[in-house]
Amino acid sequence: MTEIRGHVAEGFEAVGDAFESNFELHGDVGAGFSLFVDGEEVVSLTGGVADADGRPYDEDTLQLVFSTTKGATAICAHLLAERGLLDLDAPVVEYWPEFGAAGKGDVPVNWLLSHKSGLVDVDRTMSLDEALDWDSVTMALAESAPLWEPGTQHGYHAITYGFLVGEIIRRISGKSIGEFFAEEVAAPLGLDFWIGLPESEQHRVAPLIPMSSIPEPMMLAEEDPASDDAPLSLIAMLEQFLGPDNMIGRALTAPGGAFAEEHAWNEPRVRAAQIPAANGVTNATSLARMYSSLVVETDGVRTLQPETVD
């Protein structure tokens, strides 16, 4: 039986039961869960193991949290807007002149935040080394043409979102997104949360289990809509969409196919880089505390003003 650690406040026992069932019924390996209500943490749970050696997955364990990092990056942009330093309706070129290449001169900042700029990928192939170099990626984005007419459609900017928004933050503040987030968001709340993980914290990370190594594919539906009898698995679905010529595949492996290999996300150098749409490293309590502070004072901090959130 999996050891579950932490606490559950009275009235939230069903949440604890659901967390435990993920291990007993669904094969979870290691996980953390946190729930804040009215600024107070009412559920804080960890369980399972953090690595192949059996290290306990506990409150000290850190995890790559992929796209929840986008929220952290967006918070930084809105802090600048609250201070009158960033106009969300202004053209991006007011802050980043080079961005105007390839017909992007009229794209406003808010289209970057709302996935409407059409820059889900760059115009050229990039190596992983290039993708970990901030200037290389932002230069490639500035030079690239949109994949659709900006503002006419939404399309998930899985990786490029963070570079686009983060470069505006850097141009205005003079700080990298990792530095700005650490000083303006993480420090006031006492978060264990980094965009660009320091070497001193790498040992705390629970590595990801590659999807390709999962023996029993996760079922998304009882039957595949494309077949009369074949089950639809998450792996099969991703294989359909992750081709290099598919827009979804390009977005998820951007920039320029640099993240086509799933093992890349377990590399310490990837966690150490600043990829502010995808490589935040934190734990459940810190992540939940950050989001709680957007809607109510949490540990004495209200990160954004109510009118900003409303």
C-alpha atoms as a PDB file:
ATOM      1  CA  MET A   1       0.000   0.000   0.000  1.00  0.00           C
ATOM      2  CA  THR A   2       1.250   3.467  -0.934  1.00  0.00           C
ATOM      3  CA  GLU A   3       2.197   5.727   1.959  1.00  0.00           C
ATOM      4  CA  ILE A   4       0.234   8.991   1.844  1.00  0.00           C
ATOM      5  CA  ARG A   5       1.649  11.947   3.772  1.00  0.00           C
ATOM      6  CA  GLY A   6       0.193  15.297   4.742  1.00  0.00           C
ATOM      7  CA  HIS A   7      -3.090  16.598   6.091  1.00  0.00           C
ATOM      8  CA  VAL A   8      -6.737  16.908   5.108  1.00  0.00           C
ATOM      9  CA  ALA A   9      -9.013  19.388   6.856  1.00  0.00           C
ATOM     10  CA  GLU A  10     -12.389  18.282   8.149  1.00  0.00           C
ATOM     11  CA  GLY A  11     -14.944  18.263   5.366  1.00  0.00           C
ATOM     12  CA  PHE A  12     -12.427  17.467   2.635  1.00  0.00           C
ATOM     13  CA  GLU A  13     -11.951  13.772   3.348  1.00  0.00           C
ATOM     14  CA  ALA A  14     -13.301  12.827  -0.089  1.00  0.00           C
ATOM     15  CA  VAL A  15     -10.423  14.725  -1.678  1.00  0.00           C
ATOM     16  CA  GLY A  16      -7.946  12.649   0.289  1.00  0.00           C
ATOM     17  CA  ASP A  17      -9.735   9.461  -0.723  1.00  0.00           C
ATOM     18  CA  ALA A  18      -9.586  10.465  -4.385  1.00  0.00           C
ATOM     19  CA  PHE A  19      -5.863  11.206  -4.122  1.00  0.00           C
ATOM     20  CA  GLU A  20      -5.181   7.808  -2.581  1.00  0.00           C
ATOM     21  CA  SER A  21      -7.281   6.050  -5.210  1.00  0.00           C
ATOM     22  CA  ASN A  22      -5.016   7.381  -7.949  1.00  0.00           C
ATOM     23  CA  PHE A  23      -2.301   5.113  -6.564  1.00  0.00           C
ATOM     24  CA  GLU A  24      -4.446   2.124  -5.682  1.00  0.00           C
ATOM     25  CA  LEU A  25      -6.654   2.066  -8.776  1.00  0.00           C
ATOM     26  CA  HIS A  26      -4.864   4.013 -11.490  1.00  0.00           C
ATOM     27  CA  GLY A  27      -1.197   3.204 -11.029  1.00  0.00           C
ATOM     28  CA  ASP A  28       0.098   6.609  -9.993  1.00  0.00           C
ATOM     29  CA  VAL A  29       3.765   6.491  -8.986  1.00  0.00           C
ATOM     30  CA  GLY A  30       4.448   9.726  -7.119  1.00  0.00           C
ATOM     31  CA  ALA A  31       2.396  12.876  -6.737  1.00  0.00           C
ATOM     32  CA  GLY A  32       1.501  15.892  -4.651  1.00  0.00           C
ATOM     33  CA  PHE A  33      -1.799  17.706  -4.232  1.00  0.00           C
ATOM     34  CA  SER A  34      -2.726  20.985  -2.564  1.00  0.00           C
ATOM     35  CA  LEU A  35      -6.009  22.823  -2.165  1.00  0.00           C
ATOM     36  CA  PHE A  36      -6.417  26.355  -0.850  1.00  0.00           C
ATOM     37  CA  VAL A  37      -9.822  27.708   0.167  1.00  0.00           C
ATOM     38  CA  ASP A  38     -10.202  31.359   1.158  1.00  0.00           C
ATOM     39  CA  GLY A  39      -6.437  31.708   1.413  1.00  0.00           C
ATOM     40  CA  GLU A  40      -5.914  28.694   3.671  1.00  0.00           C
ATOM     41  CA  GLU A  41      -4.439  25.350   2.670  1.00  0.00           C
ATOM     42  CA  VAL A  42      -7.077  22.755   3.554  1.00  0.00           C
ATOM     43  CA  VAL A  43      -5.490  19.787   1.768  1.00  0.00           C
ATOM     44  CA  SER A  44      -1.766  19.074   1.450  1.00  0.00           C
ATOM     45  CA  LEU A  45      -0.865  15.560   0.365  1.00  0.00           C
ATOM     46  CA  THR A  46       2.075  13.710  -1.139  1.00  0.00           C
ATOM     47  CA  GLY A  47       2.515  10.040  -1.843  1.00  0.00           C
ATOM     48  CA  GLY A  48       4.488   7.391  -3.638  1.00  0.00           C
ATOM     49  CA  VAL A  49       8.071   7.569  -4.800  1.00  0.00           C
ATOM     50  CA  ALA A  50      10.040  10.275  -6.582  1.00  0.00           C
ATOM     51  CA  ASP A  51      12.523   8.161  -8.525  1.00  0.00           C
ATOM     52  CA  ALA A  52      13.532   4.644  -9.500  1.00  0.00           C
ATOM     53  CA  ASP A  53      15.560   4.279  -6.292  1.00  0.00           C
ATOM     54  CA  GLY A  54      12.426   4.643  -4.175  1.00  0.00           C
ATOM     55  CA  ARG A  55      13.085   8.114  -2.767  1.00  0.00           C
ATOM     56  CA  PRO A  56       9.834   9.206  -1.076  1.00  0.00           C
ATOM     57  CA  TYR A  57       7.756  11.738  -2.942  1.00  0.00           C
ATOM     58  CA  ASP A  58       7.286  14.183  -0.062  1.00  0.00           C
ATOM     59  CA  GLU A  59       6.808  17.870   0.664  1.00  0.00           C
ATOM     60  CA  ASP A  60      10.438  18.556  -0.279  1.00  0.00           C
ATOM     61  CA  THR A  61      10.047  17.020  -3.743  1.00  0.00           C
ATOM     62  CA  LEU A  62       9.987  19.310  -6.765  1.00  0.00           C
ATOM     63  CA  GLN A  63       8.291  18.639 -10.072  1.00  0.00           C
ATOM     64  CA  LEU A  64       8.432  20.026 -13.592  1.00  0.00           C
ATOM     65  CA  VAL A  65       4.933  21.467 -14.036  1.00  0.00           C
ATOM     66  CA  PHE A  66       4.868  22.221 -17.758  1.00  0.00           C
ATOM     67  CA  SER A  67       2.090  24.606 -18.827  1.00  0.00           C
ATOM     68  CA  THR A  68       1.078  25.800 -15.383  1.00  0.00           C
ATOM     69  CA  THR A  69       4.243  27.881 -15.829  1.00  0.00           C
ATOM     70  CA  LYS A  70       2.302  30.008 -18.320  1.00  0.00           C
ATOM     71  CA  GLY A  71       0.194  31.355 -15.475  1.00  0.00           C
ATOM     72  CA  ALA A  72       3.314  32.419 -13.596  1.00  0.00           C
ATOM     73  CA  THR A  73       4.557  34.242 -16.683  1.00  0.00           C
ATOM     74  CA  ALA A  74       1.197  35.924 -17.264  1.00  0.00           C
ATOM     75  CA  ILE A  75       1.171  37.135 -13.649  1.00  0.00           C
ATOM     76  CA  CYS A  76       4.483  38.901 -14.265  1.00  0.00           C
ATOM     77  CA  ALA A  77       3.071  40.667 -17.319  1.00  0.00           C
ATOM     78  CA  HIS A  78       0.002  41.804 -15.396  1.00  0.00           C
ATOM     79  CA  LEU A  79       2.157  43.140 -12.570  1.00  0.00           C
ATOM     80  CA  LEU A  80       3.894  45.386 -15.100  1.00  0.00           C
ATOM     81  CA  ALA A  81       0.514  46.432 -16.473  1.00  0.00           C
ATOM     82  CA  GLU A  82      -0.718  47.324 -12.975  1.00  0.00           C
ATOM     83  CA  ARG A  83       2.325  49.541 -12.527  1.00  0.00           C
ATOM     84  CA  GLY A  84       1.645  51.383 -15.764  1.00  0.00           C
ATOM     85  CA  LEU A  85       4.771  50.005 -17.421  1.00  0.00           C
ATOM     86  CA  LEU A  86       2.998  47.732 -19.912  1.00  0.00           C
ATOM     87  CA  ASP A  87      -0.014  48.582 -22.069  1.00  0.00           C
ATOM     88  CA  LEU A  88      -1.666  45.303 -23.017  1.00  0.00           C
ATOM     89  CA  ASP A  89      -3.367  46.942 -26.002  1.00  0.00           C
ATOM     90  CA  ALA A  90      -0.186  48.507 -27.383  1.00  0.00           C
ATOM     91  CA  PRO A  91       1.670  46.959 -30.329  1.00  0.00           C
ATOM     92  CA  VAL A  92       4.421  44.581 -29.297  1.00  0.00           C
ATOM     93  CA  VAL A  93       6.892  46.668 -31.328  1.00  0.00           C
ATOM     94  CA  GLU A  94       6.619  49.483 -28.776  1.00  0.00           C
ATOM     95  CA  TYR A  95       8.611  47.286 -26.418  1.00  0.00           C
ATOM     96  CA  TRP A  96      10.322  44.912 -28.864  1.00  0.00           C
ATOM     97  CA  PRO A  97      10.954  46.710 -32.180  1.00  0.00           C
ATOM     98  CA  GLU A  98      12.483  43.697 -33.941  1.00  0.00           C
ATOM     99  CA  PHE A  99       9.206  41.821 -33.519  1.00  0.00           C
ATOM    100  CA  GLY A 100       7.654  43.828 -36.353  1.00  0.00           C
ATOM    101  CA  ALA A 101       9.384  41.774 -39.062  1.00  0.00           C
ATOM    102  CA  ALA A 102       7.354  39.553 -41.413  1.00  0.00           C
ATOM    103  CA  GLY A 103       4.170  41.596 -41.119  1.00  0.00           C
ATOM    104  CA  LYS A 104       3.783  41.500 -37.324  1.00  0.00           C
ATOM    105  CA  GLY A 105       4.006  45.234 -36.672  1.00  0.00           C
ATOM    106  CA  ASP A 106       0.373  45.626 -35.621  1.00  0.00           C
ATOM    107  CA  VAL A 107       0.183  42.642 -33.252  1.00  0.00           C
ATOM    108  CA  PRO A 108      -0.817  43.894 -29.765  1.00  0.00           C
ATOM    109  CA  VAL A 109       0.600  42.503 -26.550  1.00  0.00           C
ATOM    110  CA  ASN A 110      -2.721  40.968 -25.533  1.00  0.00           C
ATOM    111  CA  TRP A 111      -2.662  38.666 -28.562  1.00  0.00           C
ATOM    112  CA  LEU A 112       0.523  37.111 -27.210  1.00  0.00           C
ATOM    113  CA  LEU A 113      -1.173  36.498 -23.870  1.00  0.00           C
ATOM    114  CA  SER A 114      -4.289  35.049 -25.519  1.00  0.00           C
ATOM    115  CA  HIS A 115      -2.583  32.709 -28.017  1.00  0.00           C
ATOM    116  CA  LYS A 116      -3.697  34.704 -31.068  1.00  0.00           C
ATOM    117  CA  SER A 117      -0.389  35.842 -32.602  1.00  0.00           C
ATOM    118  CA  GLY A 118       0.082  32.836 -34.894  1.00  0.00           C
ATOM    119  CA  LEU A 119       3.642  32.223 -33.681  1.00  0.00           C
ATOM    120  CA  VAL A 120       3.297  28.676 -32.384  1.00  0.00           C
ATOM    121  CA  ASP A 121       6.671  27.893 -33.955  1.00  0.00           C
ATOM    122  CA  VAL A 122       9.611  29.511 -35.748  1.00  0.00           C
ATOM    123  CA  ASP A 123      10.482  29.420 -39.442  1.00  0.00           C
ATOM    124  CA  ARG A 124      13.548  27.210 -39.090  1.00  0.00           C
ATOM    125  CA  THR A 125      14.817  24.076 -37.437  1.00  0.00           C
ATOM    126  CA  MET A 126      16.529  24.582 -34.073  1.00  0.00           C
ATOM    127  CA  SER A 127      18.705  22.292 -31.997  1.00  0.00           C
ATOM    128  CA  LEU A 128      18.107  21.770 -28.299  1.00  0.00           C
ATOM    129  CA  ASP A 129      21.219  23.826 -27.543  1.00  0.00           C
ATOM    130  CA  GLU A 130      19.765  26.731 -29.528  1.00  0.00           C
ATOM    131  CA  ALA A 131      16.374  26.337 -27.841  1.00  0.00           C
ATOM    132  CA  LEU A 132      18.016  26.747 -24.438  1.00  0.00           C
ATOM    133  CA  ASP A 133      19.581  30.048 -25.496  1.00  0.00           C
ATOM    134  CA  TRP A 134      17.127  32.882 -24.860  1.00  0.00           C
ATOM    135  CA  ASP A 135      18.489  35.265 -27.477  1.00  0.00           C
ATOM    136  CA  SER A 136      18.507  32.602 -30.196  1.00  0.00           C
ATOM    137  CA  VAL A 137      14.847  31.773 -29.652  1.00  0.00           C
ATOM    138  CA  THR A 138      13.553  35.326 -29.330  1.00  0.00           C
ATOM    139  CA  MET A 139      15.514  36.398 -32.408  1.00  0.00           C
ATOM    140  CA  ALA A 140      14.025  33.506 -34.392  1.00  0.00           C
ATOM    141  CA  LEU A 141      10.517  34.423 -33.218  1.00  0.00           C
ATOM    142  CA  ALA A 142      11.013  38.068 -34.163  1.00  0.00           C
ATOM    143  CA  GLU A 143      12.114  37.061 -37.658  1.00  0.00           C
ATOM    144  CA  SER A 144       9.381  34.456 -38.228  1.00  0.00           C
ATOM    145  CA  ALA A 145       6.119  34.932 -40.073  1.00  0.00           C
ATOM    146  CA  PRO A 146       2.878  33.982 -38.306  1.00  0.00           C
ATOM    147  CA  LEU A 147       1.335  30.637 -39.251  1.00  0.00           C
ATOM    148  CA  TRP A 148      -2.069  32.325 -39.557  1.00  0.00           C
ATOM    149  CA  GLU A 149      -3.272  35.901 -39.727  1.00  0.00           C
ATOM    150  CA  PRO A 150      -2.766  37.246 -36.194  1.00  0.00           C
ATOM    151  CA  GLY A 151      -5.949  37.947 -34.294  1.00  0.00           C
ATOM    152  CA  THR A 152      -8.189  35.801 -36.489  1.00  0.00           C
ATOM    153  CA  GLN A 153      -7.759  32.517 -34.618  1.00  0.00           C
ATOM    154  CA  HIS A 154      -6.635  31.040 -31.333  1.00  0.00           C
ATOM    155  CA  GLY A 155      -3.975  28.345 -31.366  1.00  0.00           C
ATOM    156  CA  TYR A 156      -2.127  26.937 -28.386  1.00  0.00           C
ATOM    157  CA  HIS A 157       1.375  28.427 -28.214  1.00  0.00           C
ATOM    158  CA  ALA A 158       2.645  25.527 -26.121  1.00  0.00           C
ATOM    159  CA  ILE A 159       6.299  26.579 -25.903  1.00  0.00           C
ATOM    160  CA  THR A 160       6.613  29.923 -27.675  1.00  0.00           C
ATOM    161  CA  TYR A 161       4.128  31.686 -25.365  1.00  0.00           C
ATOM    162  CA  GLY A 162       6.732  32.037 -22.636  1.00  0.00           C
ATOM    163  CA  PHE A 163       9.452  33.399 -24.884  1.00  0.00           C
ATOM    164  CA  LEU A 164       7.072  35.929 -26.440  1.00  0.00           C
ATOM    165  CA  VAL A 165       5.678  37.252 -23.164  1.00  0.00           C
ATOM    166  CA  GLY A 166       8.971  36.828 -21.335  1.00  0.00           C
ATOM    167  CA  GLU A 167      10.874  38.936 -23.846  1.00  0.00           C
ATOM    168  CA  ILE A 168       8.472  41.835 -23.338  1.00  0.00           C
ATOM    169  CA  ILE A 169       8.975  41.516 -19.577  1.00  0.00           C
ATOM    170  CA  ARG A 170      12.747  41.536 -20.105  1.00  0.00           C
ATOM    171  CA  ARG A 171      12.629  44.586 -22.381  1.00  0.00           C
ATOM    172  CA  ILE A 172      10.591  46.567 -19.855  1.00  0.00           C
ATOM    173  CA  SER A 173      12.148  45.448 -16.562  1.00  0.00           C
ATOM    174  CA  GLY A 174      15.700  44.721 -17.647  1.00  0.00           C
ATOM    175  CA  LYS A 175      15.403  41.354 -15.870  1.00  0.00           C
ATOM    176  CA  SER A 176      14.963  37.860 -17.204  1.00  0.00           C
ATOM    177  CA  ILE A 177      11.575  36.288 -16.590  1.00  0.00           C
ATOM    178  CA  GLY A 178      13.178  33.958 -14.047  1.00  0.00           C
ATOM    179  CA  GLU A 179      14.658  36.861 -12.109  1.00  0.00           C
ATOM    180  CA  PHE A 180      11.479  38.937 -12.269  1.00  0.00           C
ATOM    181  CA  PHE A 181       9.279  36.048 -11.126  1.00  0.00           C
ATOM    182  CA  ALA A 182      11.647  35.154  -8.287  1.00  0.00           C
ATOM    183  CA  GLU A 183      11.714  38.706  -6.936  1.00  0.00           C
ATOM    184  CA  GLU A 184       8.152  39.851  -7.549  1.00  0.00           C
ATOM    185  CA  VAL A 185       6.069  36.696  -7.082  1.00  0.00           C
ATOM    186  CA  ALA A 186       7.972  33.812  -5.494  1.00  0.00           C
ATOM    187  CA  ALA A 187       9.800  35.757  -2.774  1.00  0.00           C
ATOM    188  CA  PRO A 188       6.777  37.610  -1.306  1.00  0.00           C
ATOM    189  CA  LEU A 189       4.837  34.343  -1.065  1.00  0.00           C
ATOM    190  CA  GLY A 190       7.769  32.185   0.034  1.00  0.00           C
ATOM    191  CA  LEU A 191       7.334  29.835  -2.911  1.00  0.00           C
ATOM    192  CA  ASP A 192       9.509  26.913  -3.868  1.00  0.00           C
ATOM    193  CA  PHE A 193       8.993  27.781  -7.536  1.00  0.00           C
ATOM    194  CA  TRP A 194      11.579  28.558 -10.190  1.00  0.00           C
ATOM    195  CA  ILE A 195      11.639  29.389 -13.882  1.00  0.00           C
ATOM    196  CA  GLY A 196      15.223  28.288 -14.389  1.00  0.00           C
ATOM    197  CA  LEU A 197      16.072  25.834 -11.618  1.00  0.00           C
ATOM    198  CA  PRO A 198      19.313  26.510  -9.687  1.00  0.00           C
ATOM    199  CA  GLU A 199      21.890  23.739  -9.480  1.00  0.00           C
ATOM    200  CA  SER A 200      21.391  23.679  -5.702  1.00  0.00           C
ATOM    201  CA  GLU A 201      17.788  22.471  -6.134  1.00  0.00           C
ATOM    202  CA  GLN A 202      18.227  19.903  -8.922  1.00  0.00           C
ATOM    203  CA  HIS A 203      18.537  16.985  -6.481  1.00  0.00           C
ATOM    204  CA  ARG A 204      14.980  17.570  -5.239  1.00  0.00           C
ATOM    205  CA  VAL A 205      13.318  16.954  -8.615  1.00  0.00           C
ATOM    206  CA  ALA A 206      11.226  13.872  -9.338  1.00  0.00           C
ATOM    207  CA  PRO A 207      12.106  12.879 -12.916  1.00  0.00           C
ATOM    208  CA  LEU A 208       9.321  12.297 -15.385  1.00  0.00           C
ATOM    209  CA  ILE A 209       8.400   8.805 -16.530  1.00  0.00           C
ATOM    210  CA  PRO A 210       8.508   8.827 -20.360  1.00  0.00           C
ATOM    211  CA  MET A 211       5.114   8.194 -21.862  1.00  0.00           C
ATOM    212  CA  SER A 212       6.656   5.664 -24.233  1.00  0.00           C
ATOM    213  CA  SER A 213       7.603   3.467 -21.265  1.00  0.00           C
ATOM    214  CA  ILE A 214       4.090   3.206 -19.827  1.00  0.00           C
ATOM    215  CA  PRO A 215       3.071  -0.459 -20.341  1.00  0.00           C
ATOM    216  CA  GLU A 216      -0.687   0.031 -20.208  1.00  0.00           C
ATOM    217  CA  PRO A 217      -1.847   2.984 -22.345  1.00  0.00           C
ATOM    218  CA  MET A 218      -4.286   5.272 -20.606  1.00  0.00           C
ATOM    219  CA  MET A 219      -7.747   4.907 -22.035  1.00  0.00           C
ATOM    220  CA  LEU A 220      -9.481   8.138 -22.992  1.00  0.00           C
ATOM    221  CA  ALA A 221     -12.651   6.518 -24.258  1.00  0.00           C
ATOM    222  CA  GLU A 222     -14.161   3.085 -24.412  1.00  0.00           C
ATOM    223  CA  GLU A 223     -13.851   3.077 -28.165  1.00  0.00           C
ATOM    224  CA  ASP A 224     -11.881   4.923 -30.785  1.00  0.00           C
ATOM    225  CA  PRO A 225     -14.189   7.072 -32.946  1.00  0.00           C
ATOM    226  CA  ALA A 226     -12.095   6.037 -35.961  1.00  0.00           C
ATOM    227  CA  SER A 227     -12.631   2.331 -35.358  1.00  0.00           C
ATOM    228  CA  ASP A 228     -15.467   0.024 -34.439  1.00  0.00           C
ATOM    229  CA  ASP A 229     -13.534  -1.800 -31.744  1.00  0.00           C
ATOM    230  CA  ALA A 230     -10.068  -0.336 -31.066  1.00  0.00           C
ATOM    231  CA  PRO A 231      -9.567   1.427 -27.717  1.00  0.00           C
ATOM    232  CA  LEU A 232      -8.422   5.033 -27.832  1.00  0.00           C
ATOM    233  CA  SER A 233      -5.261   5.561 -25.803  1.00  0.00           C
ATOM    234  CA  LEU A 234      -3.525   8.800 -24.928  1.00  0.00           C
ATOM    235  CA  ILE A 235      -0.352   7.531 -26.574  1.00  0.00           C
ATOM    236  CA  ALA A 236      -2.156   6.678 -29.813  1.00  0.00           C
ATOM    237  CA  MET A 237      -3.830  10.057 -29.837  1.00  0.00           C
ATOM    238  CA  LEU A 238      -0.524  11.879 -29.407  1.00  0.00           C
ATOM    239  CA  GLU A 239       1.110   9.822 -32.135  1.00  0.00           C
ATOM    240  CA  GLN A 240      -1.591  11.043 -34.506  1.00  0.00           C
ATOM    241  CA  PHE A 241      -0.912  14.692 -33.720  1.00  0.00           C
ATOM    242  CA  LEU A 242       2.827  14.936 -33.072  1.00  0.00           C
ATOM    243  CA  GLY A 243       4.050  14.651 -36.652  1.00  0.00           C
ATOM    244  CA  PRO A 244       6.434  17.384 -37.852  1.00  0.00           C
ATOM    245  CA  ASP A 245       3.932  18.617 -40.439  1.00  0.00           C
ATOM    246  CA  ASN A 246       1.058  18.889 -37.969  1.00  0.00           C
ATOM    247  CA  MET A 247       0.363  22.272 -36.357  1.00  0.00           C
ATOM    248  CA  ILE A 248      -0.155  20.696 -32.934  1.00  0.00           C
ATOM    249  CA  GLY A 249       3.049  18.740 -33.297  1.00  0.00           C
ATOM    250  CA  ARG A 250       4.976  21.859 -34.242  1.00  0.00           C
ATOM    251  CA  ALA A 251       3.578  23.776 -31.278  1.00  0.00           C
ATOM    252  CA  LEU A 252       4.423  21.045 -28.766  1.00  0.00           C
ATOM    253  CA  THR A 253       7.967  20.483 -30.042  1.00  0.00           C
ATOM    254  CA  ALA A 254       8.823  24.138 -30.732  1.00  0.00           C
ATOM    255  CA  PRO A 255      11.013  25.976 -31.333  1.00  0.00           C
ATOM    256  CA  GLY A 256      11.931  24.330 -34.610  1.00  0.00           C
ATOM    257  CA  GLY A 257      11.458  20.754 -33.395  1.00  0.00           C
ATOM    258  CA  ALA A 258      13.975  21.166 -30.567  1.00  0.00           C
ATOM    259  CA  PHE A 259      11.758  19.300 -28.083  1.00  0.00           C
ATOM    260  CA  ALA A 260      10.807  16.389 -30.332  1.00  0.00           C
ATOM    261  CA  GLU A 261      12.525  13.951 -27.953  1.00  0.00           C
ATOM    262  CA  GLU A 262      10.517  13.424 -24.761  1.00  0.00           C
ATOM    263  CA  HIS A 263      13.616  12.641 -22.682  1.00  0.00           C
ATOM    264  CA  ALA A 264      14.788  16.255 -23.070  1.00  0.00           C
ATOM    265  CA  TRP A 265      12.506  17.427 -20.258  1.00  0.00           C
ATOM    266  CA  ASN A 266      14.420  15.261 -17.776  1.00  0.00           C
ATOM    267  CA  GLU A 267      17.760  16.878 -18.567  1.00  0.00           C
ATOM    268  CA  PRO A 268      19.089  19.160 -15.793  1.00  0.00           C
ATOM    269  CA  ARG A 269      20.196  21.731 -18.381  1.00  0.00           C
ATOM    270  CA  VAL A 270      16.601  21.979 -19.622  1.00  0.00           C
ATOM    271  CA  ARG A 271      15.319  22.549 -16.086  1.00  0.00           C
ATOM    272  CA  ALA A 272      18.063  25.150 -15.571  1.00  0.00           C
ATOM    273  CA  ALA A 273      17.105  27.117 -18.679  1.00  0.00           C
ATOM    274  CA  GLN A 274      14.262  29.628 -18.764  1.00  0.00           C
ATOM    275  CA  ILE A 275      11.394  28.246 -20.837  1.00  0.00           C
ATOM    276  CA  PRO A 276       8.562  30.201 -19.238  1.00  0.00           C
ATOM    277  CA  ALA A 277       5.695  28.399 -20.911  1.00  0.00           C
ATOM    278  CA  ALA A 278       6.777  24.942 -19.901  1.00  0.00           C
ATOM    279  CA  ASN A 279       9.672  24.387 -17.486  1.00  0.00           C
ATOM    280  CA  GLY A 280       8.615  25.849 -14.168  1.00  0.00           C
ATOM    281  CA  VAL A 281       9.698  23.624 -11.284  1.00  0.00           C
ATOM    282  CA  THR A 282       7.730  23.689  -8.050  1.00  0.00           C
ATOM    283  CA  ASN A 283       5.554  21.602  -5.732  1.00  0.00           C
ATOM    284  CA  ALA A 284       1.808  21.391  -5.268  1.00  0.00           C
ATOM    285  CA  THR A 285       1.649  23.689  -2.243  1.00  0.00           C
ATOM    286  CA  SER A 286       3.647  26.480  -3.870  1.00  0.00           C
ATOM    287  CA  LEU A 287       1.686  26.242  -7.111  1.00  0.00           C
ATOM    288  CA  ALA A 288      -1.647  26.368  -5.304  1.00  0.00           C
ATOM    289  CA  ARG A 289      -0.487  29.195  -3.023  1.00  0.00           C
ATOM    290  CA  MET A 290       0.493  31.294  -6.042  1.00  0.00           C
ATOM    291  CA  TYR A 291      -2.882  30.881  -7.697  1.00  0.00           C
ATOM    292  CA  SER A 292      -4.732  31.407  -4.420  1.00  0.00           C
ATOM    293  CA  SER A 293      -2.986  34.758  -4.023  1.00  0.00           C
ATOM    294  CA  LEU A 294      -4.562  35.966  -7.263  1.00  0.00           C
ATOM    295  CA  VAL A 295      -8.088  35.819  -5.883  1.00  0.00           C
ATOM    296  CA  VAL A 296      -7.699  36.337  -2.140  1.00  0.00           C
ATOM    297  CA  GLU A 297      -5.028  37.444   0.304  1.00  0.00           C
ATOM    298  CA  THR A 298      -2.859  34.416   1.017  1.00  0.00           C
ATOM    299  CA  ASP A 299      -0.165  34.420   3.701  1.00  0.00           C
ATOM    300  CA  GLY A 300      -0.563  38.191   3.830  1.00  0.00           C
ATOM    301  CA  VAL A 301      -0.054  38.675   0.083  1.00  0.00           C
ATOM    302  CA  ARG A 302      -2.478  39.597  -2.695  1.00  0.00           C
ATOM    303  CA  THR A 303      -0.361  39.270  -5.845  1.00  0.00           C
ATOM    304  CA  LEU A 304      -2.691  41.059  -8.269  1.00  0.00           C
ATOM    305  CA  GLN A 305      -5.296  43.722  -7.618  1.00  0.00           C
ATOM    306  CA  PRO A 306      -8.952  42.579  -7.689  1.00  0.00           C
ATOM    307  CA  GLU A 307      -9.715  44.763 -10.706  1.00  0.00           C
ATOM    308  CA  THR A 308      -6.921  43.068 -12.655  1.00  0.00           C
ATOM    309  CA  VAL A 309      -8.327  39.616 -11.994  1.00  0.00           C
ATOM    310  CA  ASP A 310     -11.928  40.657 -12.565  1.00  0.00           C
END
